[in-house]
Amino acid sequence: MAHDEKDLAAEASETAGATAAATEASDQSPDQIKQQRDDYYDRLLRKTAEFDNYRKRTDRERLQLSEAAAADLMQELLPLLDDMERALRSEGGDDAIRKGVELIHKQLLETLRKRGVRPIEALGADFDPHYHMAVSHEPANDRREGEVIEEFRRGYMLGDRLLRPAMVKVAKG
């Protein structure tokens, strides 16, 4: 019988708690309830916006990290491309070896092009310190002041990002 009294007491306590909560909710005016609802809705909207911003930021950071890694790899490949171009400019040698180097050079250029790497066209262009590195100047009466007259090493871009400036000779007036 003592056990039944405890159950009854617990049941009475739960009923009193539920009644108090209902009384508290019923004590609130409709305006207070609407205000509370609006507050909860505002919180929901803010949390949703914060999550969207977080997702966009992490996507952007992931993309930047990927582009930086690709740029690093491309910069390491460019000296190989330079060496191949020097080998192709050299005179003599076996025709079969030359054709093999030409084929590898062509494949490497195509691979870089597919990845968004493009050469900077320097010859005949006006010197631009953002894209060219002047290593010498030469008086040239038949050229305009600041014109690139020789390219020592080709420069490259990866999308809008400069991978390496072109090393050039610039005409002096």
C-alpha atoms as a PDB file:
ATOM      1  CA  MET A   1       0.000   0.000   0.000  1.00  0.00           C
ATOM      2  CA  ALA A   2       2.933   2.299   0.628  1.00  0.00           C
ATOM      3  CA  HIS A   3       3.972   1.787  -2.951  1.00  0.00           C
ATOM      4  CA  ASP A   4       0.593   2.955  -4.216  1.00  0.00           C
ATOM      5  CA  GLU A   5       0.816   6.106  -2.114  1.00  0.00           C
ATOM      6  CA  LYS A   6       4.196   6.982  -3.738  1.00  0.00           C
ATOM      7  CA  ASP A   7       2.721   6.467  -7.199  1.00  0.00           C
ATOM      8  CA  LEU A   8      -0.221   8.655  -6.345  1.00  0.00           C
ATOM      9  CA  ALA A   9       2.040  11.337  -4.950  1.00  0.00           C
ATOM     10  CA  ALA A  10       4.241  11.289  -8.114  1.00  0.00           C
ATOM     11  CA  GLU A  11       1.174  11.398 -10.315  1.00  0.00           C
ATOM     12  CA  ALA A  12      -0.219  14.336  -8.376  1.00  0.00           C
ATOM     13  CA  SER A  13       3.129  16.119  -8.672  1.00  0.00           C
ATOM     14  CA  GLU A  14       3.239  15.601 -12.487  1.00  0.00           C
ATOM     15  CA  THR A  15      -0.341  16.806 -12.804  1.00  0.00           C
ATOM     16  CA  ALA A  16       0.466  19.884 -10.727  1.00  0.00           C
ATOM     17  CA  GLY A  17       3.524  20.598 -12.914  1.00  0.00           C
ATOM     18  CA  ALA A  18       1.545  20.250 -16.134  1.00  0.00           C
ATOM     19  CA  THR A  19      -1.208  22.403 -14.690  1.00  0.00           C
ATOM     20  CA  ALA A  20       1.334  25.059 -13.692  1.00  0.00           C
ATOM     21  CA  ALA A  21       2.848  25.072 -17.213  1.00  0.00           C
ATOM     22  CA  ALA A  22      -0.591  25.322 -18.770  1.00  0.00           C
ATOM     23  CA  THR A  23      -1.532  28.052 -16.336  1.00  0.00           C
ATOM     24  CA  GLU A  24       1.733  29.902 -17.120  1.00  0.00           C
ATOM     25  CA  ALA A  25       1.086  29.613 -20.872  1.00  0.00           C
ATOM     26  CA  SER A  26      -2.514  30.667 -20.391  1.00  0.00           C
ATOM     27  CA  ASP A  27      -1.307  33.592 -18.256  1.00  0.00           C
ATOM     28  CA  GLN A  28       0.535  34.941 -21.290  1.00  0.00           C
ATOM     29  CA  SER A  29      -1.387  37.223 -23.525  1.00  0.00           C
ATOM     30  CA  PRO A  30      -1.720  36.497 -27.232  1.00  0.00           C
ATOM     31  CA  ASP A  31       0.689  39.387 -27.911  1.00  0.00           C
ATOM     32  CA  GLN A  32       3.324  37.812 -25.660  1.00  0.00           C
ATOM     33  CA  ILE A  33       2.902  34.473 -27.365  1.00  0.00           C
ATOM     34  CA  LYS A  34       3.252  36.110 -30.797  1.00  0.00           C
ATOM     35  CA  GLN A  35       6.346  37.977 -29.601  1.00  0.00           C
ATOM     36  CA  GLN A  36       7.882  34.733 -28.340  1.00  0.00           C
ATOM     37  CA  ARG A  37       7.046  33.026 -31.642  1.00  0.00           C
ATOM     38  CA  ASP A  38       8.619  35.907 -33.584  1.00  0.00           C
ATOM     39  CA  ASP A  39      11.752  35.712 -31.432  1.00  0.00           C
ATOM     40  CA  TYR A  40      12.090  31.984 -32.111  1.00  0.00           C
ATOM     41  CA  TYR A  41      11.546  32.546 -35.835  1.00  0.00           C
ATOM     42  CA  ASP A  42      14.157  35.327 -35.881  1.00  0.00           C
ATOM     43  CA  ARG A  43      16.641  33.024 -34.136  1.00  0.00           C
ATOM     44  CA  LEU A  44      15.936  30.316 -36.695  1.00  0.00           C
ATOM     45  CA  LEU A  45      16.526  32.717 -39.590  1.00  0.00           C
ATOM     46  CA  ARG A  46      19.794  33.965 -38.078  1.00  0.00           C
ATOM     47  CA  LYS A  47      21.119  30.441 -37.468  1.00  0.00           C
ATOM     48  CA  THR A  48      20.177  29.438 -41.008  1.00  0.00           C
ATOM     49  CA  ALA A  49      22.001  32.478 -42.424  1.00  0.00           C
ATOM     50  CA  GLU A  50      25.047  31.799 -40.241  1.00  0.00           C
ATOM     51  CA  PHE A  51      25.170  28.208 -41.467  1.00  0.00           C
ATOM     52  CA  ASP A  52      24.860  29.282 -45.116  1.00  0.00           C
ATOM     53  CA  ASN A  53      27.691  31.795 -44.647  1.00  0.00           C
ATOM     54  CA  TYR A  54      29.837  29.131 -42.977  1.00  0.00           C
ATOM     55  CA  ARG A  55      29.214  26.694 -45.835  1.00  0.00           C
ATOM     56  CA  LYS A  56      30.034  29.314 -48.480  1.00  0.00           C
ATOM     57  CA  ARG A  57      33.200  30.355 -46.643  1.00  0.00           C
ATOM     58  CA  THR A  58      34.457  26.770 -46.331  1.00  0.00           C
ATOM     59  CA  ASP A  59      33.702  26.106 -50.016  1.00  0.00           C
ATOM     60  CA  ARG A  60      35.609  29.258 -50.981  1.00  0.00           C
ATOM     61  CA  GLU A  61      38.572  28.308 -48.756  1.00  0.00           C
ATOM     62  CA  ARG A  62      38.618  24.780 -50.192  1.00  0.00           C
ATOM     63  CA  LEU A  63      38.685  26.191 -53.740  1.00  0.00           C
ATOM     64  CA  GLN A  64      41.492  28.636 -52.888  1.00  0.00           C
ATOM     65  CA  LEU A  65      43.543  25.839 -51.338  1.00  0.00           C
ATOM     66  CA  SER A  66      43.050  23.673 -54.414  1.00  0.00           C
ATOM     67  CA  GLU A  67      44.057  26.527 -56.746  1.00  0.00           C
ATOM     68  CA  ALA A  68      47.156  27.261 -54.663  1.00  0.00           C
ATOM     69  CA  ALA A  69      48.220  23.607 -54.805  1.00  0.00           C
ATOM     70  CA  ALA A  70      47.708  23.537 -58.579  1.00  0.00           C
ATOM     71  CA  ALA A  71      49.720  26.753 -58.978  1.00  0.00           C
ATOM     72  CA  ASP A  72      52.596  25.293 -56.954  1.00  0.00           C
ATOM     73  CA  LEU A  73      52.684  22.197 -59.159  1.00  0.00           C
ATOM     74  CA  MET A  74      52.566  24.255 -62.350  1.00  0.00           C
ATOM     75  CA  GLN A  75      55.444  26.441 -61.140  1.00  0.00           C
ATOM     76  CA  GLU A  76      57.536  23.319 -60.588  1.00  0.00           C
ATOM     77  CA  LEU A  77      56.795  22.113 -64.145  1.00  0.00           C
ATOM     78  CA  LEU A  78      57.743  25.372 -65.873  1.00  0.00           C
ATOM     79  CA  PRO A  79      61.550  24.883 -65.595  1.00  0.00           C
ATOM     80  CA  LEU A  80      61.118  21.509 -67.337  1.00  0.00           C
ATOM     81  CA  LEU A  81      59.279  23.257 -70.136  1.00  0.00           C
ATOM     82  CA  ASP A  82      62.099  25.830 -70.379  1.00  0.00           C
ATOM     83  CA  ASP A  83      64.705  23.077 -70.684  1.00  0.00           C
ATOM     84  CA  MET A  84      62.728  21.389 -73.448  1.00  0.00           C
ATOM     85  CA  GLU A  85      62.422  24.655 -75.357  1.00  0.00           C
ATOM     86  CA  ARG A  86      66.190  25.224 -75.055  1.00  0.00           C
ATOM     87  CA  ALA A  87      66.824  21.686 -76.336  1.00  0.00           C
ATOM     88  CA  LEU A  88      64.549  22.332 -79.305  1.00  0.00           C
ATOM     89  CA  ARG A  89      66.366  25.598 -80.139  1.00  0.00           C
ATOM     90  CA  SER A  90      69.764  23.894 -80.137  1.00  0.00           C
ATOM     91  CA  GLU A  91      71.328  22.867 -83.431  1.00  0.00           C
ATOM     92  CA  GLY A  92      72.430  19.357 -84.326  1.00  0.00           C
ATOM     93  CA  GLY A  93      71.587  16.144 -82.613  1.00  0.00           C
ATOM     94  CA  ASP A  94      69.727  13.067 -83.710  1.00  0.00           C
ATOM     95  CA  ASP A  95      66.432  13.655 -85.562  1.00  0.00           C
ATOM     96  CA  ALA A  96      64.695  10.854 -83.657  1.00  0.00           C
ATOM     97  CA  ILE A  97      65.653  12.371 -80.298  1.00  0.00           C
ATOM     98  CA  ARG A  98      64.558  15.817 -81.490  1.00  0.00           C
ATOM     99  CA  LYS A  99      61.176  14.439 -82.584  1.00  0.00           C
ATOM    100  CA  GLY A 100      60.761  12.721 -79.220  1.00  0.00           C
ATOM    101  CA  VAL A 101      61.531  15.949 -77.347  1.00  0.00           C
ATOM    102  CA  GLU A 102      59.101  17.835 -79.622  1.00  0.00           C
ATOM    103  CA  LEU A 103      56.371  15.295 -78.868  1.00  0.00           C
ATOM    104  CA  ILE A 104      56.939  15.485 -75.098  1.00  0.00           C
ATOM    105  CA  HIS A 105      57.039  19.301 -75.306  1.00  0.00           C
ATOM    106  CA  LYS A 106      53.753  19.354 -77.203  1.00  0.00           C
ATOM    107  CA  GLN A 107      52.094  16.999 -74.680  1.00  0.00           C
ATOM    108  CA  LEU A 108      53.333  19.039 -71.723  1.00  0.00           C
ATOM    109  CA  LEU A 109      52.046  22.277 -73.282  1.00  0.00           C
ATOM    110  CA  GLU A 110      48.662  20.643 -73.925  1.00  0.00           C
ATOM    111  CA  THR A 111      48.458  19.334 -70.340  1.00  0.00           C
ATOM    112  CA  LEU A 112      49.252  22.785 -68.948  1.00  0.00           C
ATOM    113  CA  ARG A 113      46.706  24.388 -71.310  1.00  0.00           C
ATOM    114  CA  LYS A 114      43.998  21.985 -70.101  1.00  0.00           C
ATOM    115  CA  ARG A 115      44.780  23.021 -66.510  1.00  0.00           C
ATOM    116  CA  GLY A 116      44.340  26.717 -67.370  1.00  0.00           C
ATOM    117  CA  VAL A 117      48.003  27.674 -67.785  1.00  0.00           C
ATOM    118  CA  ARG A 118      48.658  30.036 -70.671  1.00  0.00           C
ATOM    119  CA  PRO A 119      51.832  31.796 -71.818  1.00  0.00           C
ATOM    120  CA  ILE A 120      52.197  35.555 -71.601  1.00  0.00           C
ATOM    121  CA  GLU A 121      52.678  37.054 -75.052  1.00  0.00           C
ATOM    122  CA  ALA A 122      55.570  39.454 -74.469  1.00  0.00           C
ATOM    123  CA  LEU A 123      57.305  40.117 -77.802  1.00  0.00           C
ATOM    124  CA  GLY A 124      56.158  43.402 -79.288  1.00  0.00           C
ATOM    125  CA  ALA A 125      54.029  44.249 -76.239  1.00  0.00           C
ATOM    126  CA  ASP A 126      54.545  47.308 -74.047  1.00  0.00           C
ATOM    127  CA  PHE A 127      56.549  46.573 -70.915  1.00  0.00           C
ATOM    128  CA  ASP A 128      54.243  45.899 -67.967  1.00  0.00           C
ATOM    129  CA  PRO A 129      55.970  45.360 -64.586  1.00  0.00           C
ATOM    130  CA  HIS A 130      53.041  43.177 -63.486  1.00  0.00           C
ATOM    131  CA  TYR A 131      53.757  40.619 -66.211  1.00  0.00           C
ATOM    132  CA  HIS A 132      57.350  41.269 -67.323  1.00  0.00           C
ATOM    133  CA  MET A 133      60.707  41.316 -65.580  1.00  0.00           C
ATOM    134  CA  ALA A 134      63.144  43.542 -67.474  1.00  0.00           C
ATOM    135  CA  VAL A 135      66.648  42.067 -67.327  1.00  0.00           C
ATOM    136  CA  SER A 136      68.170  44.468 -69.863  1.00  0.00           C
ATOM    137  CA  HIS A 137      67.495  47.594 -71.892  1.00  0.00           C
ATOM    138  CA  GLU A 138      68.783  48.273 -75.374  1.00  0.00           C
ATOM    139  CA  PRO A 139      68.656  51.386 -77.548  1.00  0.00           C
ATOM    140  CA  ALA A 140      66.458  50.639 -80.543  1.00  0.00           C
ATOM    141  CA  ASN A 141      65.642  53.443 -82.973  1.00  0.00           C
ATOM    142  CA  ASP A 142      63.219  51.327 -84.978  1.00  0.00           C
ATOM    143  CA  ARG A 143      61.194  50.372 -81.875  1.00  0.00           C
ATOM    144  CA  ARG A 144      58.999  52.425 -79.577  1.00  0.00           C
ATOM    145  CA  GLU A 145      60.060  53.289 -76.027  1.00  0.00           C
ATOM    146  CA  GLY A 146      59.199  50.499 -73.571  1.00  0.00           C
ATOM    147  CA  GLU A 147      58.510  47.842 -76.211  1.00  0.00           C
ATOM    148  CA  VAL A 148      59.588  44.286 -75.400  1.00  0.00           C
ATOM    149  CA  ILE A 149      62.144  43.368 -78.090  1.00  0.00           C
ATOM    150  CA  GLU A 150      63.392  40.013 -76.803  1.00  0.00           C
ATOM    151  CA  GLU A 151      62.093  37.306 -74.512  1.00  0.00           C
ATOM    152  CA  PHE A 152      64.662  35.354 -72.496  1.00  0.00           C
ATOM    153  CA  ARG A 153      62.205  33.242 -70.541  1.00  0.00           C
ATOM    154  CA  ARG A 154      58.489  32.909 -71.192  1.00  0.00           C
ATOM    155  CA  GLY A 155      56.040  33.985 -68.492  1.00  0.00           C
ATOM    156  CA  TYR A 156      52.860  32.112 -67.608  1.00  0.00           C
ATOM    157  CA  MET A 157      49.440  32.779 -66.107  1.00  0.00           C
ATOM    158  CA  LEU A 158      47.118  30.349 -64.333  1.00  0.00           C
ATOM    159  CA  GLY A 159      43.700  31.843 -64.921  1.00  0.00           C
ATOM    160  CA  ASP A 160      44.056  35.406 -63.601  1.00  0.00           C
ATOM    161  CA  ARG A 161      47.000  34.506 -61.364  1.00  0.00           C
ATOM    162  CA  LEU A 162      50.597  35.204 -62.429  1.00  0.00           C
ATOM    163  CA  LEU A 163      52.665  32.034 -62.140  1.00  0.00           C
ATOM    164  CA  ARG A 164      55.895  33.544 -63.422  1.00  0.00           C
ATOM    165  CA  PRO A 165      56.721  36.856 -65.120  1.00  0.00           C
ATOM    166  CA  ALA A 166      58.402  36.855 -68.515  1.00  0.00           C
ATOM    167  CA  MET A 167      62.112  37.795 -68.486  1.00  0.00           C
ATOM    168  CA  VAL A 168      62.516  40.340 -71.261  1.00  0.00           C
ATOM    169  CA  LYS A 169      64.728  42.923 -72.959  1.00  0.00           C
ATOM    170  CA  VAL A 170      63.100  46.343 -73.330  1.00  0.00           C
ATOM    171  CA  ALA A 171      63.727  48.994 -76.007  1.00  0.00           C
ATOM    172  CA  LYS A 172      65.145  52.302 -74.840  1.00  0.00           C
ATOM    173  CA  GLY A 173      64.304  55.470 -76.788  1.00  0.00           C
END
